[in-house]
Amino acid sequence: MKAVVITGFGAEPQLTELPVPQPGPGEVLVRLHAAALNPFDWKVADGALKDVAEHSFPLVMGSDGAGVVESIGDGVNRFRPGDTVYGQFMSVQHGRGSYAEYVLATEDGKIARMPDSLPFAVAAALPTAGATAYQAIEAARLDTGHVILINGASGGVGQSAVQFAALQGARVLATATADIAGHLRELGAHETVDFTTAPTAEQVLAAHPEGIDAVLDLVTHPGDDIGALAGLLKPGGIFVSTNHAADPEALAAREIRGVNLSNNPTRAELEALADLTAAGKLRVTINTEVPLADAPATVTRARTGPARGKTVILL
């Protein structure tokens, strides 16, 4: 099978041939039809998890994917050959990832059935971005009329978060450059904030001097200053970071609840996301579709700039 691999931390991705794996007990073999790029993919390639888990090289890149169950191992009861499935397939310990024509997954892993009507490319774009957005908005504890700022709204997570927050009845402020502001308003944003014209916090404070209820920060990294964004929150407000930039103790001293969110979707959440998308209640924007052969160059380009929707590899 063809796959995009790295041979060590920091190595350039390369297209290569690997044997098609065979499912063992409790495993399913999935013939992937699409995989999606996430920034976490190249962070792992650079060694983000090297102190967390053993890695097996060559390591197939990628986590998110969608396809059809090809075969199953002994003891598998939840899936059958021919089932359409999607989810997260990364297993660095076994060298597995989704930038490949075939991938193994455990029956109890982060995969779920998907409606047959859902295109594979759309399903592949859902697991990480959709689940992160869903869990982040749940953590924000929004109620009707609450005001939330989504910092980094133009990417896959941000666009889904805008929709989930709007469904909760919140007033959504979304950071966006002029070229994507209209699209975010179509997704449910009530106001957009162009961070290229003036600092985001200054613009939000001018429009909402009484403060806001929640901040979902998809941009700031650990060690960077979140003070200006946190300063927008009313007492009792919530600051949610997907990059672990929040200091919960320091925020608590300011009567703000800080949450550092790690993506960890359940099967039920994956099934719900797929159903919402198939029903047209969650829109997924795919900006670019590329063949597997172009994936290494696409990863290199994706490293250099902010996302505008999702990039999908067609297999």
C-alpha atoms as a PDB file:
ATOM      1  CA  MET A   1       0.000   0.000   0.000  1.00  0.00           C
ATOM      2  CA  LYS A   2       1.027   3.611  -0.486  1.00  0.00           C
ATOM      3  CA  ALA A   3       1.554   5.727   2.616  1.00  0.00           C
ATOM      4  CA  VAL A   4       3.159   8.992   3.693  1.00  0.00           C
ATOM      5  CA  VAL A   5       5.736   8.344   6.407  1.00  0.00           C
ATOM      6  CA  ILE A   6       8.505   9.947   8.412  1.00  0.00           C
ATOM      7  CA  THR A   7      11.612   7.955   9.301  1.00  0.00           C
ATOM      8  CA  GLY A   8      12.420   9.944  12.434  1.00  0.00           C
ATOM      9  CA  PHE A   9      11.464  13.077  14.353  1.00  0.00           C
ATOM     10  CA  GLY A  10      11.784  16.134  12.159  1.00  0.00           C
ATOM     11  CA  ALA A  11      12.281  14.099   8.977  1.00  0.00           C
ATOM     12  CA  GLU A  12      10.611  15.214   5.772  1.00  0.00           C
ATOM     13  CA  PRO A  13       7.408  13.296   4.906  1.00  0.00           C
ATOM     14  CA  GLN A  14       7.822  10.909   2.006  1.00  0.00           C
ATOM     15  CA  LEU A  15       5.538   8.701  -0.056  1.00  0.00           C
ATOM     16  CA  THR A  16       6.492   5.058   0.180  1.00  0.00           C
ATOM     17  CA  GLU A  17       5.217   1.495  -0.179  1.00  0.00           C
ATOM     18  CA  LEU A  18       4.366  -0.532   2.937  1.00  0.00           C
ATOM     19  CA  PRO A  19       2.820  -3.970   3.398  1.00  0.00           C
ATOM     20  CA  VAL A  20      -0.941  -4.014   3.889  1.00  0.00           C
ATOM     21  CA  PRO A  21      -1.419  -4.796   7.595  1.00  0.00           C
ATOM     22  CA  GLN A  22      -3.566  -7.695   8.728  1.00  0.00           C
ATOM     23  CA  PRO A  23      -6.053  -7.355  11.594  1.00  0.00           C
ATOM     24  CA  GLY A  24      -5.319  -9.231  14.796  1.00  0.00           C
ATOM     25  CA  PRO A  25      -7.789 -10.061  17.559  1.00  0.00           C
ATOM     26  CA  GLY A  26     -10.039  -7.111  18.295  1.00  0.00           C
ATOM     27  CA  GLU A  27      -8.812  -5.141  15.272  1.00  0.00           C
ATOM     28  CA  VAL A  28     -10.401  -3.946  12.040  1.00  0.00           C
ATOM     29  CA  LEU A  29      -8.659  -3.178   8.754  1.00  0.00           C
ATOM     30  CA  VAL A  30     -10.044  -0.059   7.090  1.00  0.00           C
ATOM     31  CA  ARG A  31      -9.576   0.815   3.438  1.00  0.00           C
ATOM     32  CA  LEU A  32      -9.324   4.585   3.712  1.00  0.00           C
ATOM     33  CA  HIS A  33     -10.929   6.793   1.085  1.00  0.00           C
ATOM     34  CA  ALA A  34      -9.982  10.143   2.609  1.00  0.00           C
ATOM     35  CA  ALA A  35      -7.745  11.595   5.320  1.00  0.00           C
ATOM     36  CA  ALA A  36      -7.641  15.118   6.713  1.00  0.00           C
ATOM     37  CA  LEU A  37      -4.699  17.318   7.674  1.00  0.00           C
ATOM     38  CA  ASN A  38      -4.493  18.741  11.180  1.00  0.00           C
ATOM     39  CA  PRO A  39      -1.676  20.837  12.678  1.00  0.00           C
ATOM     40  CA  PHE A  40      -1.284  18.118  15.305  1.00  0.00           C
ATOM     41  CA  ASP A  41      -0.094  15.771  12.533  1.00  0.00           C
ATOM     42  CA  TRP A  42       3.133  17.671  11.900  1.00  0.00           C
ATOM     43  CA  LYS A  43       3.560  18.502  15.566  1.00  0.00           C
ATOM     44  CA  VAL A  44       3.691  14.744  16.207  1.00  0.00           C
ATOM     45  CA  ALA A  45       6.151  14.370  13.328  1.00  0.00           C
ATOM     46  CA  ASP A  46       8.330  16.990  15.021  1.00  0.00           C
ATOM     47  CA  GLY A  47       8.269  15.053  18.300  1.00  0.00           C
ATOM     48  CA  ALA A  48       5.367  16.501  20.276  1.00  0.00           C
ATOM     49  CA  LEU A  49       4.685  13.092  21.846  1.00  0.00           C
ATOM     50  CA  LYS A  50       8.234  11.747  22.074  1.00  0.00           C
ATOM     51  CA  ASP A  51       8.250  12.012  25.868  1.00  0.00           C
ATOM     52  CA  VAL A  52       4.726  10.610  26.156  1.00  0.00           C
ATOM     53  CA  ALA A  53       4.821   7.385  24.126  1.00  0.00           C
ATOM     54  CA  GLU A  54       7.217   5.140  22.252  1.00  0.00           C
ATOM     55  CA  HIS A  55       7.177   5.685  18.493  1.00  0.00           C
ATOM     56  CA  SER A  56       7.594   3.072  15.795  1.00  0.00           C
ATOM     57  CA  PHE A  57       9.327   4.164  12.587  1.00  0.00           C
ATOM     58  CA  PRO A  58       8.638   4.448   9.750  1.00  0.00           C
ATOM     59  CA  LEU A  59       5.661   6.291  11.192  1.00  0.00           C
ATOM     60  CA  VAL A  60       2.639   6.858   8.967  1.00  0.00           C
ATOM     61  CA  MET A  61       1.466  10.441   9.406  1.00  0.00           C
ATOM     62  CA  GLY A  62      -2.055  11.569  10.136  1.00  0.00           C
ATOM     63  CA  SER A  63      -4.918  10.834  12.481  1.00  0.00           C
ATOM     64  CA  ASP A  64      -8.278  11.634  10.882  1.00  0.00           C
ATOM     65  CA  GLY A  65      -9.717   9.449   8.166  1.00  0.00           C
ATOM     66  CA  ALA A  66     -12.794   7.795   6.695  1.00  0.00           C
ATOM     67  CA  GLY A  67     -13.277   4.615   4.724  1.00  0.00           C
ATOM     68  CA  VAL A  68     -14.749   1.138   4.565  1.00  0.00           C
ATOM     69  CA  VAL A  69     -14.017  -1.840   6.794  1.00  0.00           C
ATOM     70  CA  GLU A  70     -12.070  -4.311   4.644  1.00  0.00           C
ATOM     71  CA  SER A  71     -11.716  -7.164   7.134  1.00  0.00           C
ATOM     72  CA  ILE A  72     -11.939  -7.870  10.845  1.00  0.00           C
ATOM     73  CA  GLY A  73      -9.948  -9.870  13.368  1.00  0.00           C
ATOM     74  CA  ASP A  74     -11.145 -12.487  15.805  1.00  0.00           C
ATOM     75  CA  GLY A  75     -13.562 -11.303  18.449  1.00  0.00           C
ATOM     76  CA  VAL A  76     -14.753  -8.167  16.649  1.00  0.00           C
ATOM     77  CA  ASN A  77     -18.488  -7.695  17.120  1.00  0.00           C
ATOM     78  CA  ARG A  78     -19.132  -3.984  16.564  1.00  0.00           C
ATOM     79  CA  PHE A  79     -18.043  -3.766  12.924  1.00  0.00           C
ATOM     80  CA  ARG A  80     -18.426  -5.881   9.797  1.00  0.00           C
ATOM     81  CA  PRO A  81     -16.721  -5.782   6.378  1.00  0.00           C
ATOM     82  CA  GLY A  82     -18.440  -3.175   4.255  1.00  0.00           C
ATOM     83  CA  ASP A  83     -19.254  -0.812   7.126  1.00  0.00           C
ATOM     84  CA  THR A  84     -18.467   2.839   6.427  1.00  0.00           C
ATOM     85  CA  VAL A  85     -16.462   4.230   9.336  1.00  0.00           C
ATOM     86  CA  TYR A  86     -14.498   7.297  10.308  1.00  0.00           C
ATOM     87  CA  GLY A  87     -12.473   8.552  13.241  1.00  0.00           C
ATOM     88  CA  GLN A  88      -8.961   8.968  14.595  1.00  0.00           C
ATOM     89  CA  PHE A  89      -6.457   6.297  13.541  1.00  0.00           C
ATOM     90  CA  MET A  90      -3.140   7.595  14.883  1.00  0.00           C
ATOM     91  CA  SER A  91      -1.162   5.085  16.955  1.00  0.00           C
ATOM     92  CA  VAL A  92       2.441   6.235  17.216  1.00  0.00           C
ATOM     93  CA  GLN A  93       3.407   3.127  19.201  1.00  0.00           C
ATOM     94  CA  HIS A  94       2.506   0.985  16.188  1.00  0.00           C
ATOM     95  CA  GLY A  95       3.591   3.443  13.476  1.00  0.00           C
ATOM     96  CA  ARG A  96      -0.004   3.851  12.293  1.00  0.00           C
ATOM     97  CA  GLY A  97      -1.654   6.879  10.783  1.00  0.00           C
ATOM     98  CA  SER A  98      -4.296   7.923   8.277  1.00  0.00           C
ATOM     99  CA  TYR A  99      -2.140   9.117   5.367  1.00  0.00           C
ATOM    100  CA  ALA A 100      -2.291   5.614   3.926  1.00  0.00           C
ATOM    101  CA  GLU A 101      -4.482   3.427   1.784  1.00  0.00           C
ATOM    102  CA  TYR A 102      -5.089   0.997   4.666  1.00  0.00           C
ATOM    103  CA  VAL A 103      -4.959   1.346   8.431  1.00  0.00           C
ATOM    104  CA  LEU A 104      -5.685  -0.844  11.433  1.00  0.00           C
ATOM    105  CA  ALA A 105      -7.838   0.270  14.337  1.00  0.00           C
ATOM    106  CA  THR A 106      -9.002  -1.455  17.475  1.00  0.00           C
ATOM    107  CA  GLU A 107     -12.687  -2.184  17.761  1.00  0.00           C
ATOM    108  CA  ASP A 108     -12.799  -0.095  20.931  1.00  0.00           C
ATOM    109  CA  GLY A 109     -10.743   2.735  19.426  1.00  0.00           C
ATOM    110  CA  LYS A 110     -11.846   6.210  18.380  1.00  0.00           C
ATOM    111  CA  ILE A 111     -13.791   5.107  15.310  1.00  0.00           C
ATOM    112  CA  ALA A 112     -17.503   5.027  14.629  1.00  0.00           C
ATOM    113  CA  ARG A 113     -20.028   4.152  11.972  1.00  0.00           C
ATOM    114  CA  MET A 114     -21.007   7.004   9.669  1.00  0.00           C
ATOM    115  CA  PRO A 115     -24.097   7.482   7.520  1.00  0.00           C
ATOM    116  CA  ASP A 116     -23.594   6.083   4.039  1.00  0.00           C
ATOM    117  CA  SER A 117     -24.848   9.407   2.653  1.00  0.00           C
ATOM    118  CA  LEU A 118     -21.952  11.336   4.212  1.00  0.00           C
ATOM    119  CA  PRO A 119     -19.098  11.894   1.715  1.00  0.00           C
ATOM    120  CA  PHE A 120     -15.803  10.367   2.814  1.00  0.00           C
ATOM    121  CA  ALA A 121     -13.966  13.683   2.411  1.00  0.00           C
ATOM    122  CA  VAL A 122     -16.394  15.447   4.729  1.00  0.00           C
ATOM    123  CA  ALA A 123     -16.298  12.644   7.290  1.00  0.00           C
ATOM    124  CA  ALA A 124     -12.492  12.645   7.275  1.00  0.00           C
ATOM    125  CA  ALA A 125     -12.505  16.369   8.093  1.00  0.00           C
ATOM    126  CA  LEU A 126     -14.696  15.867  11.186  1.00  0.00           C
ATOM    127  CA  PRO A 127     -13.010  13.868  13.978  1.00  0.00           C
ATOM    128  CA  THR A 128     -10.409  16.228  15.429  1.00  0.00           C
ATOM    129  CA  ALA A 129     -11.823  19.610  14.416  1.00  0.00           C
ATOM    130  CA  GLY A 130     -15.462  18.729  15.043  1.00  0.00           C
ATOM    131  CA  ALA A 131     -14.927  16.943  18.347  1.00  0.00           C
ATOM    132  CA  THR A 132     -12.577  19.630  19.664  1.00  0.00           C
ATOM    133  CA  ALA A 133     -15.109  22.339  18.828  1.00  0.00           C
ATOM    134  CA  TYR A 134     -17.978  20.384  20.360  1.00  0.00           C
ATOM    135  CA  GLN A 135     -16.096  19.683  23.586  1.00  0.00           C
ATOM    136  CA  ALA A 136     -14.823  23.265  23.814  1.00  0.00           C
ATOM    137  CA  ILE A 137     -18.281  24.782  23.521  1.00  0.00           C
ATOM    138  CA  GLU A 138     -19.600  22.288  26.069  1.00  0.00           C
ATOM    139  CA  ALA A 139     -16.793  23.374  28.421  1.00  0.00           C
ATOM    140  CA  ALA A 140     -17.750  27.029  27.903  1.00  0.00           C
ATOM    141  CA  ARG A 141     -21.152  26.349  29.523  1.00  0.00           C
ATOM    142  CA  LEU A 142     -22.973  28.787  27.293  1.00  0.00           C
ATOM    143  CA  ASP A 143     -26.547  29.857  27.790  1.00  0.00           C
ATOM    144  CA  THR A 144     -28.912  31.886  25.636  1.00  0.00           C
ATOM    145  CA  GLY A 145     -27.647  35.440  25.340  1.00  0.00           C
ATOM    146  CA  HIS A 146     -24.121  34.731  26.544  1.00  0.00           C
ATOM    147  CA  VAL A 147     -21.353  36.409  24.556  1.00  0.00           C
ATOM    148  CA  ILE A 148     -18.367  34.313  23.475  1.00  0.00           C
ATOM    149  CA  LEU A 149     -15.221  35.314  21.615  1.00  0.00           C
ATOM    150  CA  ILE A 150     -13.750  32.590  19.390  1.00  0.00           C
ATOM    151  CA  ASN A 151     -10.117  33.520  18.797  1.00  0.00           C
ATOM    152  CA  GLY A 152      -8.914  31.668  15.703  1.00  0.00           C
ATOM    153  CA  ALA A 153     -12.316  31.154  14.129  1.00  0.00           C
ATOM    154  CA  SER A 154     -11.193  30.702  10.526  1.00  0.00           C
ATOM    155  CA  GLY A 155      -9.809  27.156  10.856  1.00  0.00           C
ATOM    156  CA  GLY A 156     -11.647  23.860  11.026  1.00  0.00           C
ATOM    157  CA  VAL A 157     -12.090  23.923  14.807  1.00  0.00           C
ATOM    158  CA  GLY A 158     -13.099  27.556  14.818  1.00  0.00           C
ATOM    159  CA  GLN A 159     -15.712  27.218  12.099  1.00  0.00           C
ATOM    160  CA  SER A 160     -17.374  24.297  13.875  1.00  0.00           C
ATOM    161  CA  ALA A 161     -17.186  26.122  17.216  1.00  0.00           C
ATOM    162  CA  VAL A 162     -18.978  29.122  15.729  1.00  0.00           C
ATOM    163  CA  GLN A 163     -21.828  26.840  14.699  1.00  0.00           C
ATOM    164  CA  PHE A 164     -22.060  24.992  18.022  1.00  0.00           C
ATOM    165  CA  ALA A 165     -22.015  28.251  19.993  1.00  0.00           C
ATOM    166  CA  ALA A 166     -24.742  29.750  17.819  1.00  0.00           C
ATOM    167  CA  LEU A 167     -26.848  26.612  18.299  1.00  0.00           C
ATOM    168  CA  GLN A 168     -26.545  27.189  22.058  1.00  0.00           C
ATOM    169  CA  GLY A 169     -28.136  30.618  21.604  1.00  0.00           C
ATOM    170  CA  ALA A 170     -24.947  32.561  22.315  1.00  0.00           C
ATOM    171  CA  ARG A 171     -23.844  35.768  20.643  1.00  0.00           C
ATOM    172  CA  VAL A 172     -20.707  34.791  18.772  1.00  0.00           C
ATOM    173  CA  LEU A 173     -17.735  37.097  18.184  1.00  0.00           C
ATOM    174  CA  ALA A 174     -15.298  35.535  15.722  1.00  0.00           C
ATOM    175  CA  THR A 175     -11.820  36.710  14.778  1.00  0.00           C
ATOM    176  CA  ALA A 176     -11.517  36.801  11.017  1.00  0.00           C
ATOM    177  CA  THR A 177      -9.785  38.624   8.216  1.00  0.00           C
ATOM    178  CA  ALA A 178     -11.984  40.365   5.684  1.00  0.00           C
ATOM    179  CA  ASP A 179     -11.794  37.536   3.148  1.00  0.00           C
ATOM    180  CA  ILE A 180     -13.507  35.014   5.443  1.00  0.00           C
ATOM    181  CA  ALA A 181     -15.662  37.240   7.640  1.00  0.00           C
ATOM    182  CA  GLY A 182     -18.735  36.804   5.463  1.00  0.00           C
ATOM    183  CA  HIS A 183     -18.440  33.039   5.564  1.00  0.00           C
ATOM    184  CA  LEU A 184     -18.225  33.027   9.355  1.00  0.00           C
ATOM    185  CA  ARG A 185     -21.314  35.188   9.576  1.00  0.00           C
ATOM    186  CA  GLU A 186     -23.106  32.649   7.385  1.00  0.00           C
ATOM    187  CA  LEU A 187     -22.091  29.964   9.892  1.00  0.00           C
ATOM    188  CA  GLY A 188     -23.609  31.904  12.795  1.00  0.00           C
ATOM    189  CA  ALA A 189     -21.131  34.569  13.917  1.00  0.00           C
ATOM    190  CA  HIS A 190     -22.909  37.761  14.957  1.00  0.00           C
ATOM    191  CA  GLU A 191     -19.788  39.934  14.878  1.00  0.00           C
ATOM    192  CA  THR A 192     -16.358  39.486  13.313  1.00  0.00           C
ATOM    193  CA  VAL A 193     -13.132  41.007  14.591  1.00  0.00           C
ATOM    194  CA  ASP A 194     -10.354  41.688  12.066  1.00  0.00           C
ATOM    195  CA  PHE A 195      -7.202  41.210  14.136  1.00  0.00           C
ATOM    196  CA  THR A 196      -5.063  42.680  11.344  1.00  0.00           C
ATOM    197  CA  THR A 197      -6.514  46.162  11.859  1.00  0.00           C
ATOM    198  CA  ALA A 198      -6.118  46.475  15.662  1.00  0.00           C
ATOM    199  CA  PRO A 199      -5.541  44.155  18.628  1.00  0.00           C
ATOM    200  CA  THR A 200      -8.454  41.779  19.122  1.00  0.00           C
ATOM    201  CA  ALA A 201      -8.961  42.569  22.807  1.00  0.00           C
ATOM    202  CA  GLU A 202      -9.091  46.314  22.141  1.00  0.00           C
ATOM    203  CA  GLN A 203     -11.787  45.900  19.502  1.00  0.00           C
ATOM    204  CA  VAL A 204     -13.891  43.550  21.626  1.00  0.00           C
ATOM    205  CA  LEU A 205     -13.632  45.794  24.700  1.00  0.00           C
ATOM    206  CA  ALA A 206     -14.705  48.818  22.678  1.00  0.00           C
ATOM    207  CA  ALA A 207     -17.792  46.970  21.443  1.00  0.00           C
ATOM    208  CA  HIS A 208     -18.529  45.240  24.770  1.00  0.00           C
ATOM    209  CA  PRO A 209     -17.262  47.464  27.593  1.00  0.00           C
ATOM    210  CA  GLU A 210     -19.391  45.530  30.076  1.00  0.00           C
ATOM    211  CA  GLY A 211     -17.332  42.393  29.357  1.00  0.00           C
ATOM    212  CA  ILE A 212     -18.160  39.032  27.829  1.00  0.00           C
ATOM    213  CA  ASP A 213     -18.979  35.598  29.224  1.00  0.00           C
ATOM    214  CA  ALA A 214     -16.516  33.242  27.533  1.00  0.00           C
ATOM    215  CA  VAL A 215     -13.368  33.098  25.432  1.00  0.00           C
ATOM    216  CA  LEU A 216     -12.433  30.099  23.299  1.00  0.00           C
ATOM    217  CA  ASP A 217      -8.766  30.596  22.422  1.00  0.00           C
ATOM    218  CA  LEU A 218      -7.527  28.407  19.574  1.00  0.00           C
ATOM    219  CA  VAL A 219      -4.396  30.486  18.926  1.00  0.00           C
ATOM    220  CA  THR A 220      -2.334  31.305  22.011  1.00  0.00           C
ATOM    221  CA  HIS A 221       0.403  28.862  23.001  1.00  0.00           C
ATOM    222  CA  PRO A 222       1.833  28.056  26.458  1.00  0.00           C
ATOM    223  CA  GLY A 223       4.056  30.828  27.706  1.00  0.00           C
ATOM    224  CA  ASP A 224       2.331  33.494  25.638  1.00  0.00           C
ATOM    225  CA  ASP A 225       0.354  36.218  27.397  1.00  0.00           C
ATOM    226  CA  ILE A 226      -3.393  35.639  27.563  1.00  0.00           C
ATOM    227  CA  GLY A 227      -3.941  38.601  29.892  1.00  0.00           C
ATOM    228  CA  ALA A 228      -5.615  40.853  27.343  1.00  0.00           C
ATOM    229  CA  LEU A 229      -8.092  38.189  26.253  1.00  0.00           C
ATOM    230  CA  ALA A 230      -8.789  37.037  29.812  1.00  0.00           C
ATOM    231  CA  GLY A 231      -9.327  40.665  30.764  1.00  0.00           C
ATOM    232  CA  LEU A 232     -12.403  40.730  28.538  1.00  0.00           C
ATOM    233  CA  LEU A 233     -14.231  38.301  30.809  1.00  0.00           C
ATOM    234  CA  LYS A 234     -16.769  39.215  33.452  1.00  0.00           C
ATOM    235  CA  PRO A 235     -16.310  37.716  36.933  1.00  0.00           C
ATOM    236  CA  GLY A 236     -17.453  34.113  36.653  1.00  0.00           C
ATOM    237  CA  GLY A 237     -16.462  33.963  32.986  1.00  0.00           C
ATOM    238  CA  ILE A 238     -14.740  30.991  31.336  1.00  0.00           C
ATOM    239  CA  PHE A 239     -11.476  30.891  29.374  1.00  0.00           C
ATOM    240  CA  VAL A 240     -11.042  27.740  27.271  1.00  0.00           C
ATOM    241  CA  SER A 241      -7.696  27.026  25.586  1.00  0.00           C
ATOM    242  CA  THR A 242      -7.089  24.205  23.117  1.00  0.00           C
ATOM    243  CA  ASN A 243      -3.315  24.776  23.290  1.00  0.00           C
ATOM    244  CA  HIS A 244      -2.987  24.531  27.089  1.00  0.00           C
ATOM    245  CA  ALA A 245      -2.205  28.233  27.382  1.00  0.00           C
ATOM    246  CA  ALA A 246      -4.501  28.799  30.374  1.00  0.00           C
ATOM    247  CA  ASP A 247      -3.225  28.955  33.952  1.00  0.00           C
ATOM    248  CA  PRO A 248      -6.321  27.851  35.909  1.00  0.00           C
ATOM    249  CA  GLU A 249      -4.940  28.954  39.285  1.00  0.00           C
ATOM    250  CA  ALA A 250      -3.996  32.432  38.085  1.00  0.00           C
ATOM    251  CA  LEU A 251      -7.341  32.811  36.347  1.00  0.00           C
ATOM    252  CA  ALA A 252      -9.223  31.619  39.438  1.00  0.00           C
ATOM    253  CA  ALA A 253      -7.643  34.480  41.378  1.00  0.00           C
ATOM    254  CA  ARG A 254      -9.402  36.792  38.906  1.00  0.00           C
ATOM    255  CA  GLU A 255     -12.727  34.933  39.359  1.00  0.00           C
ATOM    256  CA  ILE A 256     -12.350  33.296  35.949  1.00  0.00           C
ATOM    257  CA  ARG A 257     -12.564  29.583  35.288  1.00  0.00           C
ATOM    258  CA  GLY A 258      -9.684  28.338  33.139  1.00  0.00           C
ATOM    259  CA  VAL A 259      -9.970  25.158  31.063  1.00  0.00           C
ATOM    260  CA  ASN A 260      -7.189  23.484  29.078  1.00  0.00           C
ATOM    261  CA  LEU A 261      -8.928  21.185  26.622  1.00  0.00           C
ATOM    262  CA  SER A 262      -7.457  18.001  25.154  1.00  0.00           C
ATOM    263  CA  ASN A 263      -9.239  16.375  22.231  1.00  0.00           C
ATOM    264  CA  ASN A 264     -10.618  13.016  23.310  1.00  0.00           C
ATOM    265  CA  PRO A 265     -13.766  12.086  21.392  1.00  0.00           C
ATOM    266  CA  THR A 266     -16.064   9.297  22.469  1.00  0.00           C
ATOM    267  CA  ARG A 267     -17.761   6.993  19.999  1.00  0.00           C
ATOM    268  CA  ALA A 268     -21.095   8.586  20.878  1.00  0.00           C
ATOM    269  CA  GLU A 269     -19.720  12.040  20.075  1.00  0.00           C
ATOM    270  CA  LEU A 270     -18.319  10.847  16.751  1.00  0.00           C
ATOM    271  CA  GLU A 271     -21.652   9.278  15.825  1.00  0.00           C
ATOM    272  CA  ALA A 272     -23.492  12.480  16.789  1.00  0.00           C
ATOM    273  CA  LEU A 273     -21.105  14.663  14.755  1.00  0.00           C
ATOM    274  CA  ALA A 274     -21.552  12.482  11.683  1.00  0.00           C
ATOM    275  CA  ASP A 275     -25.333  12.525  12.035  1.00  0.00           C
ATOM    276  CA  LEU A 276     -25.416  16.323  12.457  1.00  0.00           C
ATOM    277  CA  THR A 277     -23.251  16.782   9.378  1.00  0.00           C
ATOM    278  CA  ALA A 278     -25.236  14.336   7.256  1.00  0.00           C
ATOM    279  CA  ALA A 279     -28.417  16.181   8.271  1.00  0.00           C
ATOM    280  CA  GLY A 280     -26.937  19.520   7.191  1.00  0.00           C
ATOM    281  CA  LYS A 281     -26.899  20.927  10.722  1.00  0.00           C
ATOM    282  CA  LEU A 282     -23.088  21.167  10.847  1.00  0.00           C
ATOM    283  CA  ARG A 283     -21.265  22.568   7.826  1.00  0.00           C
ATOM    284  CA  VAL A 284     -17.708  21.493   7.097  1.00  0.00           C
ATOM    285  CA  THR A 285     -15.654  23.676   4.778  1.00  0.00           C
ATOM    286  CA  ILE A 286     -13.112  21.804   2.658  1.00  0.00           C
ATOM    287  CA  ASN A 287     -10.819  24.238   0.903  1.00  0.00           C
ATOM    288  CA  THR A 288      -8.406  21.815  -0.738  1.00  0.00           C
ATOM    289  CA  GLU A 289      -8.483  18.194  -1.876  1.00  0.00           C
ATOM    290  CA  VAL A 290      -5.215  16.558  -2.935  1.00  0.00           C
ATOM    291  CA  PRO A 291      -4.134  13.054  -3.982  1.00  0.00           C
ATOM    292  CA  LEU A 292      -1.940  11.040  -1.625  1.00  0.00           C
ATOM    293  CA  ALA A 293       1.083  11.611  -3.858  1.00  0.00           C
ATOM    294  CA  ASP A 294       0.840  15.361  -3.190  1.00  0.00           C
ATOM    295  CA  ALA A 295       0.441  14.996   0.586  1.00  0.00           C
ATOM    296  CA  PRO A 296       4.131  15.548   1.519  1.00  0.00           C
ATOM    297  CA  ALA A 297       4.269  18.875  -0.328  1.00  0.00           C
ATOM    298  CA  THR A 298       0.854  19.831   1.038  1.00  0.00           C
ATOM    299  CA  VAL A 299       2.042  19.259   4.614  1.00  0.00           C
ATOM    300  CA  THR A 300       5.042  21.508   3.977  1.00  0.00           C
ATOM    301  CA  ARG A 301       2.800  24.291   2.677  1.00  0.00           C
ATOM    302  CA  ALA A 302       0.277  23.866   5.494  1.00  0.00           C
ATOM    303  CA  ARG A 303       2.970  24.429   8.117  1.00  0.00           C
ATOM    304  CA  THR A 304       3.536  27.991   6.931  1.00  0.00           C
ATOM    305  CA  GLY A 305       0.165  29.683   7.408  1.00  0.00           C
ATOM    306  CA  PRO A 306      -3.182  29.700   9.200  1.00  0.00           C
ATOM    307  CA  ALA A 307      -5.885  27.320   8.059  1.00  0.00           C
ATOM    308  CA  ARG A 308      -8.937  28.401   6.097  1.00  0.00           C
ATOM    309  CA  GLY A 309     -11.153  25.369   6.435  1.00  0.00           C
ATOM    310  CA  LYS A 310      -9.883  21.841   5.935  1.00  0.00           C
ATOM    311  CA  THR A 311      -7.423  20.151   3.602  1.00  0.00           C
ATOM    312  CA  VAL A 312      -8.312  16.574   2.662  1.00  0.00           C
ATOM    313  CA  ILE A 313      -6.205  13.829   1.106  1.00  0.00           C
ATOM    314  CA  LEU A 314      -8.141  11.622  -1.304  1.00  0.00           C
ATOM    315  CA  LEU A 315      -7.023   8.000  -1.364  1.00  0.00           C
END
